[in-house]
Amino acid sequence: ANRPQHTSSCAVESLIRSIWKQDPDQAIRIAWRESRCTPTARNRSGASGLFQLMLPLHNNLFLAVGCSPTQWADPTCAIEAAWKLYEGAGWRPWAL
């Protein structure tokens, strides 16, 4: 397979593939870049989880997928919330 080298070490790759309906390879690359695919990753600015969603700014995304914002480190909740963000904004929130 012609996959980027790093995705083989993304522990949540299959979960991302099961939730992300368009271009899951790009979603995996972003999860790797943002958090090294570590669900509990946080930074000082409040960015949290696999896709470094901003809390409390993105609390509504977690609520929209039936999760609590306190579940930001739950891989399924984080991926579903990030997918919701992608549906509304495309890749822009993760643009470099």
PDB file of N, CA and C in Angstrom:
ATOM      1  N   ALA A   1       0.844  -1.192   0.000  1.00  0.00           N
ATOM      2  CA  ALA A   1       0.000   0.000   0.000  1.00  0.00           C
ATOM      3  C   ALA A   1       0.879   1.241   0.000  1.00  0.00           C
ATOM      4  N   ASN A   2       0.380   2.262  -0.635  1.00  0.00           N
ATOM      5  CA  ASN A   2       1.129   3.518  -0.757  1.00  0.00           C
ATOM      6  C   ASN A   2       0.767   4.463   0.377  1.00  0.00           C
ATOM      7  N   ARG A   3       0.952   4.026   1.601  1.00  0.00           N
ATOM      8  CA  ARG A   3       0.574   4.851   2.737  1.00  0.00           C
ATOM      9  C   ARG A   3       1.770   5.613   3.269  1.00  0.00           C
ATOM     10  N   PRO A   4       1.524   6.795   3.835  1.00  0.00           N
ATOM     11  CA  PRO A   4       2.631   7.510   4.467  1.00  0.00           C
ATOM     12  C   PRO A   4       3.206   6.652   5.594  1.00  0.00           C
ATOM     13  N   GLN A   5       4.500   6.709   5.734  1.00  0.00           N
ATOM     14  CA  GLN A   5       5.212   5.873   6.704  1.00  0.00           C
ATOM     15  C   GLN A   5       4.614   5.944   8.107  1.00  0.00           C
ATOM     16  N   HIS A   6       4.347   7.168   8.566  1.00  0.00           N
ATOM     17  CA  HIS A   6       3.960   7.349   9.963  1.00  0.00           C
ATOM     18  C   HIS A   6       2.625   6.723  10.340  1.00  0.00           C
ATOM     19  N   THR A   7       1.720   6.514   9.388  1.00  0.00           N
ATOM     20  CA  THR A   7       0.389   6.037   9.773  1.00  0.00           C
ATOM     21  C   THR A   7       0.440   4.641  10.366  1.00  0.00           C
ATOM     22  N   SER A   8       1.490   3.880  10.091  1.00  0.00           N
ATOM     23  CA  SER A   8       1.562   2.534  10.646  1.00  0.00           C
ATOM     24  C   SER A   8       1.681   2.575  12.166  1.00  0.00           C
ATOM     25  N   SER A   9       2.115   3.722  12.716  1.00  0.00           N
ATOM     26  CA  SER A   9       2.233   3.806  14.159  1.00  0.00           C
ATOM     27  C   SER A   9       1.049   4.543  14.792  1.00  0.00           C
ATOM     28  N   CYS A  10       0.034   4.810  14.011  1.00  0.00           N
ATOM     29  CA  CYS A  10      -1.158   5.480  14.532  1.00  0.00           C
ATOM     30  C   CYS A  10      -2.091   4.417  15.111  1.00  0.00           C
ATOM     31  N   ALA A  11      -2.136   4.352  16.431  1.00  0.00           N
ATOM     32  CA  ALA A  11      -2.894   3.298  17.106  1.00  0.00           C
ATOM     33  C   ALA A  11      -4.395   3.374  16.833  1.00  0.00           C
ATOM     34  N   VAL A  12      -4.879   4.532  16.452  1.00  0.00           N
ATOM     35  CA  VAL A  12      -6.323   4.701  16.243  1.00  0.00           C
ATOM     36  C   VAL A  12      -6.679   4.735  14.754  1.00  0.00           C
ATOM     37  N   GLU A  13      -5.756   4.301  13.901  1.00  0.00           N
ATOM     38  CA  GLU A  13      -5.997   4.375  12.459  1.00  0.00           C
ATOM     39  C   GLU A  13      -7.293   3.683  12.053  1.00  0.00           C
ATOM     40  N   SER A  14      -7.526   2.464  12.512  1.00  0.00           N
ATOM     41  CA  SER A  14      -8.731   1.748  12.068  1.00  0.00           C
ATOM     42  C   SER A  14      -9.999   2.431  12.572  1.00  0.00           C
ATOM     43  N   LEU A  15      -9.927   3.025  13.759  1.00  0.00           N
ATOM     44  CA  LEU A  15     -11.077   3.750  14.287  1.00  0.00           C
ATOM     45  C   LEU A  15     -11.359   4.998  13.445  1.00  0.00           C
ATOM     46  N   ILE A  16     -10.316   5.722  13.082  1.00  0.00           N
ATOM     47  CA  ILE A  16     -10.496   6.887  12.210  1.00  0.00           C
ATOM     48  C   ILE A  16     -11.117   6.440  10.886  1.00  0.00           C
ATOM     49  N   ARG A  17     -10.595   5.370  10.316  1.00  0.00           N
ATOM     50  CA  ARG A  17     -11.132   4.876   9.040  1.00  0.00           C
ATOM     51  C   ARG A  17     -12.604   4.488   9.150  1.00  0.00           C
ATOM     52  N   SER A  18     -13.024   3.993  10.311  1.00  0.00           N
ATOM     53  CA  SER A  18     -14.420   3.554  10.465  1.00  0.00           C
ATOM     54  C   SER A  18     -15.382   4.732  10.607  1.00  0.00           C
ATOM     55  N   ILE A  19     -14.875   5.906  11.009  1.00  0.00           N
ATOM     56  CA  ILE A  19     -15.731   7.069  11.247  1.00  0.00           C
ATOM     57  C   ILE A  19     -15.603   8.107  10.134  1.00  0.00           C
ATOM     58  N   TRP A  20     -14.381   8.317   9.651  1.00  0.00           N
ATOM     59  CA  TRP A  20     -14.117   9.383   8.676  1.00  0.00           C
ATOM     60  C   TRP A  20     -14.505   8.902   7.287  1.00  0.00           C
ATOM     61  N   LYS A  21     -15.507   9.539   6.686  1.00  0.00           N
ATOM     62  CA  LYS A  21     -16.084   9.011   5.447  1.00  0.00           C
ATOM     63  C   LYS A  21     -15.390   9.498   4.180  1.00  0.00           C
ATOM     64  N   GLN A  22     -14.641  10.602   4.262  1.00  0.00           N
ATOM     65  CA  GLN A  22     -13.945  11.133   3.085  1.00  0.00           C
ATOM     66  C   GLN A  22     -12.479  11.322   3.407  1.00  0.00           C
ATOM     67  N   ASP A  23     -11.616  10.807   2.554  1.00  0.00           N
ATOM     68  CA  ASP A  23     -10.175  11.003   2.688  1.00  0.00           C
ATOM     69  C   ASP A  23      -9.656  10.667   4.092  1.00  0.00           C
ATOM     70  N   PRO A  24      -9.916   9.433   4.561  1.00  0.00           N
ATOM     71  CA  PRO A  24      -9.424   9.072   5.896  1.00  0.00           C
ATOM     72  C   PRO A  24      -7.902   9.135   6.000  1.00  0.00           C
ATOM     73  N   ASP A  25      -7.189   8.955   4.889  1.00  0.00           N
ATOM     74  CA  ASP A  25      -5.725   9.048   4.946  1.00  0.00           C
ATOM     75  C   ASP A  25      -5.288  10.430   5.425  1.00  0.00           C
ATOM     76  N   GLN A  26      -5.959  11.474   4.921  1.00  0.00           N
ATOM     77  CA  GLN A  26      -5.638  12.834   5.351  1.00  0.00           C
ATOM     78  C   GLN A  26      -5.994  13.022   6.824  1.00  0.00           C
ATOM     79  N   ALA A  27      -7.109  12.461   7.255  1.00  0.00           N
ATOM     80  CA  ALA A  27      -7.496  12.567   8.668  1.00  0.00           C
ATOM     81  C   ALA A  27      -6.447  11.904   9.559  1.00  0.00           C
ATOM     82  N   ILE A  28      -5.920  10.777   9.131  1.00  0.00           N
ATOM     83  CA  ILE A  28      -4.882  10.081   9.903  1.00  0.00           C
ATOM     84  C   ILE A  28      -3.612  10.921   9.943  1.00  0.00           C
ATOM     85  N   ARG A  29      -3.245  11.514   8.816  1.00  0.00           N
ATOM     86  CA  ARG A  29      -2.062  12.389   8.800  1.00  0.00           C
ATOM     87  C   ARG A  29      -2.237  13.560   9.769  1.00  0.00           C
ATOM     88  N   ILE A  30      -3.448  14.124   9.803  1.00  0.00           N
ATOM     89  CA  ILE A  30      -3.705  15.253  10.699  1.00  0.00           C
ATOM     90  C   ILE A  30      -3.661  14.804  12.153  1.00  0.00           C
ATOM     91  N   ALA A  31      -4.279  13.663  12.457  1.00  0.00           N
ATOM     92  CA  ALA A  31      -4.235  13.156  13.839  1.00  0.00           C
ATOM     93  C   ALA A  31      -2.792  12.907  14.263  1.00  0.00           C
ATOM     94  N   TRP A  32      -1.973  12.416  13.331  1.00  0.00           N
ATOM     95  CA  TRP A  32      -0.561  12.185  13.643  1.00  0.00           C
ATOM     96  C   TRP A  32       0.152  13.514  13.896  1.00  0.00           C
ATOM     97  N   ARG A  33      -0.089  14.484  13.012  1.00  0.00           N
ATOM     98  CA  ARG A  33       0.577  15.778  13.147  1.00  0.00           C
ATOM     99  C   ARG A  33       0.139  16.502  14.428  1.00  0.00           C
ATOM    100  N   GLU A  34      -1.154  16.437  14.718  1.00  0.00           N
ATOM    101  CA  GLU A  34      -1.692  17.196  15.847  1.00  0.00           C
ATOM    102  C   GLU A  34      -1.364  16.569  17.202  1.00  0.00           C
ATOM    103  N   SER A  35      -1.388  15.231  17.282  1.00  0.00           N
ATOM    104  CA  SER A  35      -1.292  14.585  18.599  1.00  0.00           C
ATOM    105  C   SER A  35      -0.420  13.341  18.613  1.00  0.00           C
ATOM    106  N   ARG A  36       0.217  13.011  17.482  1.00  0.00           N
ATOM    107  CA  ARG A  36       0.925  11.730  17.348  1.00  0.00           C
ATOM    108  C   ARG A  36      -0.029  10.572  17.657  1.00  0.00           C
ATOM    109  N   CYS A  37      -1.321  10.801  17.316  1.00  0.00           N
ATOM    110  CA  CYS A  37      -2.383   9.796  17.516  1.00  0.00           C
ATOM    111  C   CYS A  37      -2.545   9.427  18.990  1.00  0.00           C
ATOM    112  N   THR A  38      -2.278  10.381  19.872  1.00  0.00           N
ATOM    113  CA  THR A  38      -2.414  10.163  21.311  1.00  0.00           C
ATOM    114  C   THR A  38      -3.696  10.819  21.796  1.00  0.00           C
ATOM    115  N   PRO A  39      -4.704  10.010  22.189  1.00  0.00           N
ATOM    116  CA  PRO A  39      -6.010  10.567  22.561  1.00  0.00           C
ATOM    117  C   PRO A  39      -5.952  11.555  23.716  1.00  0.00           C
ATOM    118  N   THR A  40      -4.968  11.442  24.604  1.00  0.00           N
ATOM    119  CA  THR A  40      -4.913  12.309  25.782  1.00  0.00           C
ATOM    120  C   THR A  40      -4.029  13.540  25.579  1.00  0.00           C
ATOM    121  N   ALA A  41      -3.587  13.790  24.352  1.00  0.00           N
ATOM    122  CA  ALA A  41      -2.706  14.938  24.090  1.00  0.00           C
ATOM    123  C   ALA A  41      -3.427  16.253  24.404  1.00  0.00           C
ATOM    124  N   ARG A  42      -2.706  17.165  25.066  1.00  0.00           N
ATOM    125  CA  ARG A  42      -3.245  18.503  25.352  1.00  0.00           C
ATOM    126  C   ARG A  42      -2.134  19.506  25.191  1.00  0.00           C
ATOM    127  N   ASN A  43      -2.493  20.723  24.837  1.00  0.00           N
ATOM    128  CA  ASN A  43      -1.469  21.769  24.846  1.00  0.00           C
ATOM    129  C   ASN A  43      -1.957  22.959  25.656  1.00  0.00           C
ATOM    130  N   ARG A  44      -1.086  23.910  25.888  1.00  0.00           N
ATOM    131  CA  ARG A  44      -1.408  25.019  26.792  1.00  0.00           C
ATOM    132  C   ARG A  44      -2.546  25.894  26.291  1.00  0.00           C
ATOM    133  N   SER A  45      -2.788  25.891  25.008  1.00  0.00           N
ATOM    134  CA  SER A  45      -3.831  26.765  24.470  1.00  0.00           C
ATOM    135  C   SER A  45      -5.235  26.189  24.664  1.00  0.00           C
ATOM    136  N   GLY A  46      -5.325  24.974  25.185  1.00  0.00           N
ATOM    137  CA  GLY A  46      -6.631  24.348  25.368  1.00  0.00           C
ATOM    138  C   GLY A  46      -6.971  23.348  24.278  1.00  0.00           C
ATOM    139  N   ALA A  47      -6.094  23.218  23.288  1.00  0.00           N
ATOM    140  CA  ALA A  47      -6.314  22.214  22.243  1.00  0.00           C
ATOM    141  C   ALA A  47      -6.155  20.833  22.865  1.00  0.00           C
ATOM    142  N   SER A  48      -7.103  19.946  22.556  1.00  0.00           N
ATOM    143  CA  SER A  48      -7.158  18.673  23.265  1.00  0.00           C
ATOM    144  C   SER A  48      -7.494  17.519  22.342  1.00  0.00           C
ATOM    145  N   GLY A  49      -6.923  16.375  22.643  1.00  0.00           N
ATOM    146  CA  GLY A  49      -7.301  15.134  21.990  1.00  0.00           C
ATOM    147  C   GLY A  49      -6.612  14.877  20.665  1.00  0.00           C
ATOM    148  N   LEU A  50      -7.092  13.862  19.990  1.00  0.00           N
ATOM    149  CA  LEU A  50      -6.479  13.381  18.747  1.00  0.00           C
ATOM    150  C   LEU A  50      -6.333  14.476  17.703  1.00  0.00           C
ATOM    151  N   PHE A  51      -7.376  15.286  17.550  1.00  0.00           N
ATOM    152  CA  PHE A  51      -7.385  16.313  16.502  1.00  0.00           C
ATOM    153  C   PHE A  51      -7.181  17.713  17.077  1.00  0.00           C
ATOM    154  N   GLN A  52      -6.790  17.774  18.362  1.00  0.00           N
ATOM    155  CA  GLN A  52      -6.493  19.048  19.031  1.00  0.00           C
ATOM    156  C   GLN A  52      -7.635  20.049  18.863  1.00  0.00           C
ATOM    157  N   LEU A  53      -8.842  19.594  19.194  1.00  0.00           N
ATOM    158  CA  LEU A  53      -9.991  20.491  19.182  1.00  0.00           C
ATOM    159  C   LEU A  53      -9.856  21.472  20.341  1.00  0.00           C
ATOM    160  N   MET A  54     -10.361  22.679  20.120  1.00  0.00           N
ATOM    161  CA  MET A  54     -10.251  23.740  21.125  1.00  0.00           C
ATOM    162  C   MET A  54     -11.448  23.686  22.077  1.00  0.00           C
ATOM    163  N   LEU A  55     -11.136  23.536  23.353  1.00  0.00           N
ATOM    164  CA  LEU A  55     -12.195  23.550  24.363  1.00  0.00           C
ATOM    165  C   LEU A  55     -12.054  24.851  25.153  1.00  0.00           C
ATOM    166  N   PRO A  56     -13.152  25.532  25.462  1.00  0.00           N
ATOM    167  CA  PRO A  56     -14.543  25.122  25.244  1.00  0.00           C
ATOM    168  C   PRO A  56     -15.127  25.495  23.877  1.00  0.00           C
ATOM    169  N   LEU A  57     -14.355  26.101  23.000  1.00  0.00           N
ATOM    170  CA  LEU A  57     -14.871  26.542  21.700  1.00  0.00           C
ATOM    171  C   LEU A  57     -15.622  25.426  20.966  1.00  0.00           C
ATOM    172  N   HIS A  58     -15.103  24.206  21.000  1.00  0.00           N
ATOM    173  CA  HIS A  58     -15.698  23.107  20.246  1.00  0.00           C
ATOM    174  C   HIS A  58     -16.570  22.179  21.093  1.00  0.00           C
ATOM    175  N   ASN A  59     -16.952  22.635  22.286  1.00  0.00           N
ATOM    176  CA  ASN A  59     -17.824  21.802  23.132  1.00  0.00           C
ATOM    177  C   ASN A  59     -19.067  21.338  22.367  1.00  0.00           C
ATOM    178  N   ASN A  60     -19.616  22.241  21.540  1.00  0.00           N
ATOM    179  CA  ASN A  60     -20.849  21.923  20.803  1.00  0.00           C
ATOM    180  C   ASN A  60     -20.665  20.720  19.882  1.00  0.00           C
ATOM    181  N   LEU A  61     -19.458  20.514  19.368  1.00  0.00           N
ATOM    182  CA  LEU A  61     -19.223  19.377  18.472  1.00  0.00           C
ATOM    183  C   LEU A  61     -19.348  18.063  19.227  1.00  0.00           C
ATOM    184  N   PHE A  62     -18.832  18.034  20.447  1.00  0.00           N
ATOM    185  CA  PHE A  62     -18.953  16.819  21.255  1.00  0.00           C
ATOM    186  C   PHE A  62     -20.418  16.565  21.586  1.00  0.00           C
ATOM    187  N   LEU A  63     -21.141  17.620  21.974  1.00  0.00           N
ATOM    188  CA  LEU A  63     -22.561  17.471  22.290  1.00  0.00           C
ATOM    189  C   LEU A  63     -23.344  16.997  21.067  1.00  0.00           C
ATOM    190  N   ALA A  64     -22.964  17.486  19.888  1.00  0.00           N
ATOM    191  CA  ALA A  64     -23.683  17.132  18.656  1.00  0.00           C
ATOM    192  C   ALA A  64     -23.542  15.647  18.312  1.00  0.00           C
ATOM    193  N   VAL A  65     -22.485  15.004  18.785  1.00  0.00           N
ATOM    194  CA  VAL A  65     -22.296  13.580  18.487  1.00  0.00           C
ATOM    195  C   VAL A  65     -22.635  12.699  19.690  1.00  0.00           C
ATOM    196  N   GLY A  66     -23.316  13.289  20.672  1.00  0.00           N
ATOM    197  CA  GLY A  66     -23.785  12.509  21.814  1.00  0.00           C
ATOM    198  C   GLY A  66     -22.738  12.262  22.884  1.00  0.00           C
ATOM    199  N   CYS A  67     -21.687  13.077  22.894  1.00  0.00           N
ATOM    200  CA  CYS A  67     -20.648  12.960  23.914  1.00  0.00           C
ATOM    201  C   CYS A  67     -20.650  14.221  24.773  1.00  0.00           C
ATOM    202  N   SER A  68     -20.023  14.127  25.924  1.00  0.00           N
ATOM    203  CA  SER A  68     -19.794  15.306  26.756  1.00  0.00           C
ATOM    204  C   SER A  68     -18.428  15.872  26.396  1.00  0.00           C
ATOM    205  N   PRO A  69     -18.258  17.200  26.449  1.00  0.00           N
ATOM    206  CA  PRO A  69     -16.930  17.766  26.208  1.00  0.00           C
ATOM    207  C   PRO A  69     -15.867  17.195  27.148  1.00  0.00           C
ATOM    208  N   THR A  70     -16.292  16.681  28.311  1.00  0.00           N
ATOM    209  CA  THR A  70     -15.322  16.079  29.233  1.00  0.00           C
ATOM    210  C   THR A  70     -14.774  14.757  28.685  1.00  0.00           C
ATOM    211  N   GLN A  71     -15.373  14.256  27.610  1.00  0.00           N
ATOM    212  CA  GLN A  71     -14.910  13.013  26.973  1.00  0.00           C
ATOM    213  C   GLN A  71     -13.947  13.287  25.822  1.00  0.00           C
ATOM    214  N   TRP A  72     -13.280  14.434  25.842  1.00  0.00           N
ATOM    215  CA  TRP A  72     -12.372  14.817  24.749  1.00  0.00           C
ATOM    216  C   TRP A  72     -11.273  13.793  24.523  1.00  0.00           C
ATOM    217  N   ALA A  73     -10.889  13.038  25.554  1.00  0.00           N
ATOM    218  CA  ALA A  73      -9.816  12.049  25.404  1.00  0.00           C
ATOM    219  C   ALA A  73     -10.330  10.683  24.956  1.00  0.00           C
ATOM    220  N   ASP A  74     -11.644  10.533  24.836  1.00  0.00           N
ATOM    221  CA  ASP A  74     -12.226   9.292  24.325  1.00  0.00           C
ATOM    222  C   ASP A  74     -12.038   9.306  22.812  1.00  0.00           C
ATOM    223  N   PRO A  75     -11.297   8.334  22.260  1.00  0.00           N
ATOM    224  CA  PRO A  75     -10.986   8.380  20.821  1.00  0.00           C
ATOM    225  C   PRO A  75     -12.220   8.460  19.927  1.00  0.00           C
ATOM    226  N   THR A  76     -13.259   7.693  20.235  1.00  0.00           N
ATOM    227  CA  THR A  76     -14.460   7.712  19.395  1.00  0.00           C
ATOM    228  C   THR A  76     -15.118   9.082  19.434  1.00  0.00           C
ATOM    229  N   CYS A  77     -15.280   9.648  20.619  1.00  0.00           N
ATOM    230  CA  CYS A  77     -15.886  10.982  20.741  1.00  0.00           C
ATOM    231  C   CYS A  77     -15.047  12.019  20.003  1.00  0.00           C
ATOM    232  N   ALA A  78     -13.725  11.953  20.166  1.00  0.00           N
ATOM    233  CA  ALA A  78     -12.847  12.937  19.539  1.00  0.00           C
ATOM    234  C   ALA A  78     -12.903  12.857  18.018  1.00  0.00           C
ATOM    235  N   ILE A  79     -12.907  11.640  17.493  1.00  0.00           N
ATOM    236  CA  ILE A  79     -12.947  11.472  16.032  1.00  0.00           C
ATOM    237  C   ILE A  79     -14.297  11.919  15.491  1.00  0.00           C
ATOM    238  N   GLU A  80     -15.372  11.539  16.171  1.00  0.00           N
ATOM    239  CA  GLU A  80     -16.703  11.948  15.699  1.00  0.00           C
ATOM    240  C   GLU A  80     -16.866  13.468  15.766  1.00  0.00           C
ATOM    241  N   ALA A  81     -16.347  14.097  16.818  1.00  0.00           N
ATOM    242  CA  ALA A  81     -16.434  15.555  16.932  1.00  0.00           C
ATOM    243  C   ALA A  81     -15.598  16.223  15.838  1.00  0.00           C
ATOM    244  N   ALA A  82     -14.410  15.680  15.577  1.00  0.00           N
ATOM    245  CA  ALA A  82     -13.558  16.243  14.523  1.00  0.00           C
ATOM    246  C   ALA A  82     -14.212  16.062  13.154  1.00  0.00           C
ATOM    247  N   TRP A  83     -14.859  14.932  12.946  1.00  0.00           N
ATOM    248  CA  TRP A  83     -15.574  14.702  11.683  1.00  0.00           C
ATOM    249  C   TRP A  83     -16.678  15.744  11.516  1.00  0.00           C
ATOM    250  N   LYS A  84     -17.391  16.034  12.605  1.00  0.00           N
ATOM    251  CA  LYS A  84     -18.454  17.038  12.579  1.00  0.00           C
ATOM    252  C   LYS A  84     -17.869  18.400  12.182  1.00  0.00           C
ATOM    253  N   LEU A  85     -16.709  18.731  12.753  1.00  0.00           N
ATOM    254  CA  LEU A  85     -16.036  19.983  12.400  1.00  0.00           C
ATOM    255  C   LEU A  85     -15.652  19.979  10.920  1.00  0.00           C
ATOM    256  N   TYR A  86     -15.120  18.863  10.456  1.00  0.00           N
ATOM    257  CA  TYR A  86     -14.737  18.738   9.043  1.00  0.00           C
ATOM    258  C   TYR A  86     -15.953  18.909   8.136  1.00  0.00           C
ATOM    259  N   GLU A  87     -17.084  18.315   8.509  1.00  0.00           N
ATOM    260  CA  GLU A  87     -18.300  18.436   7.686  1.00  0.00           C
ATOM    261  C   GLU A  87     -18.686  19.898   7.485  1.00  0.00           C
ATOM    262  N   GLY A  88     -18.467  20.728   8.511  1.00  0.00           N
ATOM    263  CA  GLY A  88     -18.839  22.132   8.409  1.00  0.00           C
ATOM    264  C   GLY A  88     -17.764  23.028   7.833  1.00  0.00           C
ATOM    265  N   ALA A  89     -16.487  22.650   7.989  1.00  0.00           N
ATOM    266  CA  ALA A  89     -15.411  23.580   7.655  1.00  0.00           C
ATOM    267  C   ALA A  89     -14.309  22.968   6.780  1.00  0.00           C
ATOM    268  N   GLY A  90     -14.449  21.705   6.420  1.00  0.00           N
ATOM    269  CA  GLY A  90     -13.398  21.066   5.634  1.00  0.00           C
ATOM    270  C   GLY A  90     -12.103  20.972   6.434  1.00  0.00           C
ATOM    271  N   TRP A  91     -10.991  21.018   5.727  1.00  0.00           N
ATOM    272  CA  TRP A  91      -9.680  20.886   6.390  1.00  0.00           C
ATOM    273  C   TRP A  91      -9.195  22.204   6.980  1.00  0.00           C
ATOM    274  N   ARG A  92      -9.911  23.314   6.747  1.00  0.00           N
ATOM    275  CA  ARG A  92      -9.441  24.635   7.194  1.00  0.00           C
ATOM    276  C   ARG A  92      -9.034  24.710   8.660  1.00  0.00           C
ATOM    277  N   PRO A  93      -9.797  24.103   9.598  1.00  0.00           N
ATOM    278  CA  PRO A  93      -9.394  24.227  10.998  1.00  0.00           C
ATOM    279  C   PRO A  93      -7.996  23.668  11.294  1.00  0.00           C
ATOM    280  N   TRP A  94      -7.509  22.795  10.436  1.00  0.00           N
ATOM    281  CA  TRP A  94      -6.208  22.179  10.649  1.00  0.00           C
ATOM    282  C   TRP A  94      -5.154  22.696   9.681  1.00  0.00           C
ATOM    283  N   ALA A  95      -5.474  23.767   8.960  1.00  0.00           N
ATOM    284  CA  ALA A  95      -4.533  24.300   7.992  1.00  0.00           C
ATOM    285  C   ALA A  95      -3.289  24.826   8.710  1.00  0.00           C
ATOM    286  N   LEU A  96      -2.155  24.640   8.065  1.00  0.00           N
ATOM    287  CA  LEU A  96      -0.907  25.139   8.658  1.00  0.00           C
ATOM    288  C   LEU A  96      -0.655  26.586   8.217  1.00  0.00           C
TER     289      LEU A  96
END
